[in-house]
Amino acid sequence: MCVSSTINNLGSPAAKFCFYLPSPPILPKNWRCGAPDAISQIIELNGNHWRKILTIMAKITAPDDNWKVYRDTRLLKRDEQILIASSRLSSQAQWHFITGGASQKQLQPETKDLVFQALDSADKLAFNGGRILKVPYLDYRQYPNELVAQTRELLQH
């Protein structure tokens, strides 16, 4: 159940996937993540930048290849959460995606004792062997479909 809609916490507080981002989208007044058009409202107000972010999230977390329908109808409603400028990892999430350098720096006190191993030759995707990933910022150029596929494969194990 999606009950959270503060500017620093978007999505389900009990989500199994938590994405850490450095800055929030603009939200319409009285926005609710459980609303049927919640994602389209974010995209409408924030444009292509947030469409890319939400699309990559959906490509990673959708249960099948139909990520567009998933993004538009189910994203952030149950299984995903976005924490903005967080200095702490979610205690509820099963998987953590620390996106980009700014979020990695913000969460460094939480992750400094963890060992991350690169999963790709460009050192864009790093995994701690548990359930924490350091990933590129959620943009197509930085997080191409090959890395999305590699991330999805990791989630299956």
C-alpha atoms as a PDB file:
ATOM      1  CA  MET A   1       0.000   0.000   0.000  1.00  0.00           C
ATOM      2  CA  CYS A   2       1.382   3.334  -1.013  1.00  0.00           C
ATOM      3  CA  VAL A   3       0.932   5.811   1.806  1.00  0.00           C
ATOM      4  CA  SER A   4       3.969   8.026   1.579  1.00  0.00           C
ATOM      5  CA  SER A   5       4.107  11.169  -0.505  1.00  0.00           C
ATOM      6  CA  THR A   6       6.519  13.529   1.192  1.00  0.00           C
ATOM      7  CA  ILE A   7       9.109  15.262  -0.922  1.00  0.00           C
ATOM      8  CA  ASN A   8      11.890  13.111   0.616  1.00  0.00           C
ATOM      9  CA  ASN A   9      10.114   9.768   0.448  1.00  0.00           C
ATOM     10  CA  LEU A  10       8.121   8.711  -2.592  1.00  0.00           C
ATOM     11  CA  GLY A  11       6.441   5.347  -2.897  1.00  0.00           C
ATOM     12  CA  SER A  12       5.717   2.521  -0.534  1.00  0.00           C
ATOM     13  CA  PRO A  13       7.455   2.661   2.856  1.00  0.00           C
ATOM     14  CA  ALA A  14       7.435  -1.167   2.885  1.00  0.00           C
ATOM     15  CA  ALA A  15       8.908  -1.450  -0.622  1.00  0.00           C
ATOM     16  CA  LYS A  16      11.331  -4.228  -1.452  1.00  0.00           C
ATOM     17  CA  PHE A  17      13.276  -1.973  -3.875  1.00  0.00           C
ATOM     18  CA  CYS A  18      14.654   1.349  -2.645  1.00  0.00           C
ATOM     19  CA  PHE A  19      16.259   3.859  -5.006  1.00  0.00           C
ATOM     20  CA  TYR A  20      18.354   6.657  -3.510  1.00  0.00           C
ATOM     21  CA  LEU A  21      18.354   9.874  -5.531  1.00  0.00           C
ATOM     22  CA  PRO A  22      19.918  13.281  -4.825  1.00  0.00           C
ATOM     23  CA  SER A  23      16.972  15.563  -5.620  1.00  0.00           C
ATOM     24  CA  PRO A  24      13.182  15.305  -5.726  1.00  0.00           C
ATOM     25  CA  PRO A  25      10.773  15.843  -8.563  1.00  0.00           C
ATOM     26  CA  ILE A  26       8.276  18.691  -8.481  1.00  0.00           C
ATOM     27  CA  LEU A  27       5.022  17.265  -7.175  1.00  0.00           C
ATOM     28  CA  PRO A  28       1.558  18.679  -7.740  1.00  0.00           C
ATOM     29  CA  LYS A  29      -0.365  19.851  -4.724  1.00  0.00           C
ATOM     30  CA  ASN A  30      -2.106  16.912  -2.995  1.00  0.00           C
ATOM     31  CA  TRP A  31      -0.108  14.369  -5.036  1.00  0.00           C
ATOM     32  CA  ARG A  32      -0.543  10.767  -3.899  1.00  0.00           C
ATOM     33  CA  CYS A  33       1.630   7.910  -5.106  1.00  0.00           C
ATOM     34  CA  GLY A  34      -1.401   5.600  -4.996  1.00  0.00           C
ATOM     35  CA  ALA A  35      -3.372   7.697  -7.469  1.00  0.00           C
ATOM     36  CA  PRO A  36      -3.901   5.978 -10.849  1.00  0.00           C
ATOM     37  CA  ASP A  37      -2.146   8.863 -12.649  1.00  0.00           C
ATOM     38  CA  ALA A  38       0.609   9.479 -10.076  1.00  0.00           C
ATOM     39  CA  ILE A  39       3.464   8.658 -12.462  1.00  0.00           C
ATOM     40  CA  SER A  40       2.010  10.617 -15.381  1.00  0.00           C
ATOM     41  CA  GLN A  41       1.646  13.627 -13.065  1.00  0.00           C
ATOM     42  CA  ILE A  42       5.353  13.465 -12.176  1.00  0.00           C
ATOM     43  CA  ILE A  43       6.329  13.135 -15.841  1.00  0.00           C
ATOM     44  CA  GLU A  44       4.012  15.965 -16.879  1.00  0.00           C
ATOM     45  CA  LEU A  45       5.451  18.379 -14.306  1.00  0.00           C
ATOM     46  CA  ASN A  46       9.097  17.325 -14.577  1.00  0.00           C
ATOM     47  CA  GLY A  47       9.507  16.325 -18.196  1.00  0.00           C
ATOM     48  CA  ASN A  48      11.961  13.989 -19.824  1.00  0.00           C
ATOM     49  CA  HIS A  49      14.433  13.878 -16.926  1.00  0.00           C
ATOM     50  CA  TRP A  50      11.985  12.198 -14.546  1.00  0.00           C
ATOM     51  CA  ARG A  51      10.448  10.110 -17.332  1.00  0.00           C
ATOM     52  CA  LYS A  52      13.910   8.569 -17.815  1.00  0.00           C
ATOM     53  CA  ILE A  53      14.360   7.975 -14.073  1.00  0.00           C
ATOM     54  CA  LEU A  54      10.963   6.297 -13.706  1.00  0.00           C
ATOM     55  CA  THR A  55      11.421   4.286 -16.905  1.00  0.00           C
ATOM     56  CA  ILE A  56      14.741   2.824 -15.776  1.00  0.00           C
ATOM     57  CA  MET A  57      13.242   2.020 -12.369  1.00  0.00           C
ATOM     58  CA  ALA A  58      10.384   0.188 -14.111  1.00  0.00           C
ATOM     59  CA  LYS A  59      12.754  -1.661 -16.446  1.00  0.00           C
ATOM     60  CA  ILE A  60      14.666  -2.911 -13.399  1.00  0.00           C
ATOM     61  CA  THR A  61      11.733  -3.846 -11.148  1.00  0.00           C
ATOM     62  CA  ALA A  62       8.905  -4.892 -13.506  1.00  0.00           C
ATOM     63  CA  PRO A  63       8.067  -8.586 -13.058  1.00  0.00           C
ATOM     64  CA  ASP A  64       8.141  -9.109 -16.837  1.00  0.00           C
ATOM     65  CA  ASP A  65       9.143  -7.285 -20.034  1.00  0.00           C
ATOM     66  CA  ASN A  66       6.075  -5.056 -20.037  1.00  0.00           C
ATOM     67  CA  TRP A  67       7.848  -2.226 -18.218  1.00  0.00           C
ATOM     68  CA  LYS A  68       5.772   0.584 -19.821  1.00  0.00           C
ATOM     69  CA  VAL A  69       2.496  -0.667 -18.381  1.00  0.00           C
ATOM     70  CA  TYR A  70       4.240  -1.388 -15.091  1.00  0.00           C
ATOM     71  CA  ARG A  71       5.693   2.138 -14.957  1.00  0.00           C
ATOM     72  CA  ASP A  72       2.377   3.795 -15.726  1.00  0.00           C
ATOM     73  CA  THR A  73       0.167   1.670 -13.458  1.00  0.00           C
ATOM     74  CA  ARG A  74       2.145   0.056 -10.636  1.00  0.00           C
ATOM     75  CA  LEU A  75       5.485   1.819 -10.116  1.00  0.00           C
ATOM     76  CA  LEU A  76       5.889   3.274  -6.588  1.00  0.00           C
ATOM     77  CA  LYS A  77       2.564   1.815  -5.466  1.00  0.00           C
ATOM     78  CA  ARG A  78       3.854  -1.268  -3.652  1.00  0.00           C
ATOM     79  CA  ASP A  79       7.332  -2.559  -4.484  1.00  0.00           C
ATOM     80  CA  GLU A  80       9.375   0.627  -5.014  1.00  0.00           C
ATOM     81  CA  GLN A  81      10.407   3.583  -2.939  1.00  0.00           C
ATOM     82  CA  ILE A  82      12.572   6.603  -3.691  1.00  0.00           C
ATOM     83  CA  LEU A  83      14.470   8.217  -0.843  1.00  0.00           C
ATOM     84  CA  ILE A  84      15.738  11.697  -1.643  1.00  0.00           C
ATOM     85  CA  ALA A  85      19.086  12.904  -0.248  1.00  0.00           C
ATOM     86  CA  SER A  86      19.004  10.150   2.371  1.00  0.00           C
ATOM     87  CA  SER A  87      21.948   9.587   4.659  1.00  0.00           C
ATOM     88  CA  ARG A  88      20.558   6.241   5.834  1.00  0.00           C
ATOM     89  CA  LEU A  89      19.591   3.042   4.069  1.00  0.00           C
ATOM     90  CA  SER A  90      15.964   1.975   4.293  1.00  0.00           C
ATOM     91  CA  SER A  91      15.396  -0.564   7.041  1.00  0.00           C
ATOM     92  CA  GLN A  92      12.513  -2.113   5.077  1.00  0.00           C
ATOM     93  CA  ALA A  93      13.970  -2.601   1.588  1.00  0.00           C
ATOM     94  CA  GLN A  94      15.315  -5.932   0.390  1.00  0.00           C
ATOM     95  CA  TRP A  95      17.321  -4.305  -2.431  1.00  0.00           C
ATOM     96  CA  HIS A  96      19.080  -0.932  -2.361  1.00  0.00           C
ATOM     97  CA  PHE A  97      20.067   1.039  -5.484  1.00  0.00           C
ATOM     98  CA  ILE A  98      22.421   3.874  -4.615  1.00  0.00           C
ATOM     99  CA  THR A  99      22.238   5.974  -7.781  1.00  0.00           C
ATOM    100  CA  GLY A 100      25.042   8.201  -8.955  1.00  0.00           C
ATOM    101  CA  GLY A 101      27.932   9.886  -7.219  1.00  0.00           C
ATOM    102  CA  ALA A 102      25.891  12.353  -5.146  1.00  0.00           C
ATOM    103  CA  SER A 103      23.804   9.616  -3.508  1.00  0.00           C
ATOM    104  CA  GLN A 104      26.860   7.417  -3.050  1.00  0.00           C
ATOM    105  CA  LYS A 105      28.608  10.264  -1.237  1.00  0.00           C
ATOM    106  CA  GLN A 106      25.524  10.996   0.898  1.00  0.00           C
ATOM    107  CA  LEU A 107      25.307   7.328   1.972  1.00  0.00           C
ATOM    108  CA  GLN A 108      29.060   6.836   2.390  1.00  0.00           C
ATOM    109  CA  PRO A 109      28.847   6.774   6.224  1.00  0.00           C
ATOM    110  CA  GLU A 110      26.356   3.882   5.927  1.00  0.00           C
ATOM    111  CA  THR A 111      28.369   1.948   3.327  1.00  0.00           C
ATOM    112  CA  LYS A 112      32.001   2.753   4.190  1.00  0.00           C
ATOM    113  CA  ASP A 113      32.656  -0.646   5.782  1.00  0.00           C
ATOM    114  CA  LEU A 114      31.131  -2.622   2.899  1.00  0.00           C
ATOM    115  CA  VAL A 115      33.184  -4.094   0.081  1.00  0.00           C
ATOM    116  CA  PHE A 116      31.777  -3.531  -3.406  1.00  0.00           C
ATOM    117  CA  GLN A 117      32.864  -5.472  -6.466  1.00  0.00           C
ATOM    118  CA  ALA A 118      32.468  -4.128  -9.996  1.00  0.00           C
ATOM    119  CA  LEU A 119      30.074  -6.179 -12.121  1.00  0.00           C
ATOM    120  CA  ASP A 120      30.872  -4.592 -15.475  1.00  0.00           C
ATOM    121  CA  SER A 121      34.024  -3.614 -17.337  1.00  0.00           C
ATOM    122  CA  ALA A 122      33.261   0.129 -17.095  1.00  0.00           C
ATOM    123  CA  ASP A 123      32.930  -0.075 -13.297  1.00  0.00           C
ATOM    124  CA  LYS A 124      29.443   1.471 -13.406  1.00  0.00           C
ATOM    125  CA  LEU A 125      27.667  -1.296 -11.500  1.00  0.00           C
ATOM    126  CA  ALA A 126      29.050  -2.434  -8.142  1.00  0.00           C
ATOM    127  CA  PHE A 127      27.592  -5.008  -5.771  1.00  0.00           C
ATOM    128  CA  ASN A 128      28.376  -5.701  -2.143  1.00  0.00           C
ATOM    129  CA  GLY A 129      27.478  -9.407  -2.367  1.00  0.00           C
ATOM    130  CA  GLY A 130      24.372  -8.779  -0.286  1.00  0.00           C
ATOM    131  CA  ARG A 131      21.563  -6.609  -1.515  1.00  0.00           C
ATOM    132  CA  ILE A 132      23.182  -3.209  -2.048  1.00  0.00           C
ATOM    133  CA  LEU A 133      24.192  -1.927  -5.467  1.00  0.00           C
ATOM    134  CA  LYS A 134      25.992   1.216  -6.477  1.00  0.00           C
ATOM    135  CA  VAL A 135      24.544   2.085  -9.849  1.00  0.00           C
ATOM    136  CA  PRO A 136      24.843   4.931 -12.343  1.00  0.00           C
ATOM    137  CA  TYR A 137      22.401   7.783 -12.241  1.00  0.00           C
ATOM    138  CA  LEU A 138      19.098   6.714 -13.802  1.00  0.00           C
ATOM    139  CA  ASP A 139      19.687   8.151 -17.262  1.00  0.00           C
ATOM    140  CA  TYR A 140      19.827   6.170 -20.528  1.00  0.00           C
ATOM    141  CA  ARG A 141      23.376   7.277 -21.352  1.00  0.00           C
ATOM    142  CA  GLN A 142      24.708   6.291 -17.942  1.00  0.00           C
ATOM    143  CA  TYR A 143      22.461   3.270 -17.352  1.00  0.00           C
ATOM    144  CA  PRO A 144      21.957   1.644 -20.784  1.00  0.00           C
ATOM    145  CA  ASN A 145      19.796  -1.406 -21.432  1.00  0.00           C
ATOM    146  CA  GLU A 146      22.784  -3.780 -21.126  1.00  0.00           C
ATOM    147  CA  LEU A 147      23.320  -2.660 -17.517  1.00  0.00           C
ATOM    148  CA  VAL A 148      19.575  -2.840 -16.857  1.00  0.00           C
ATOM    149  CA  ALA A 149      19.583  -6.465 -18.079  1.00  0.00           C
ATOM    150  CA  GLN A 150      22.601  -7.247 -15.909  1.00  0.00           C
ATOM    151  CA  THR A 151      20.858  -5.682 -12.900  1.00  0.00           C
ATOM    152  CA  ARG A 152      17.652  -7.652 -13.545  1.00  0.00           C
ATOM    153  CA  GLU A 153      19.670 -10.857 -13.769  1.00  0.00           C
ATOM    154  CA  LEU A 154      21.314 -10.132 -10.429  1.00  0.00           C
ATOM    155  CA  LEU A 155      17.899  -9.611  -8.809  1.00  0.00           C
ATOM    156  CA  GLN A 156      16.856 -13.106  -9.883  1.00  0.00           C
ATOM    157  CA  HIS A 157      19.500 -14.724  -7.680  1.00  0.00           C
END
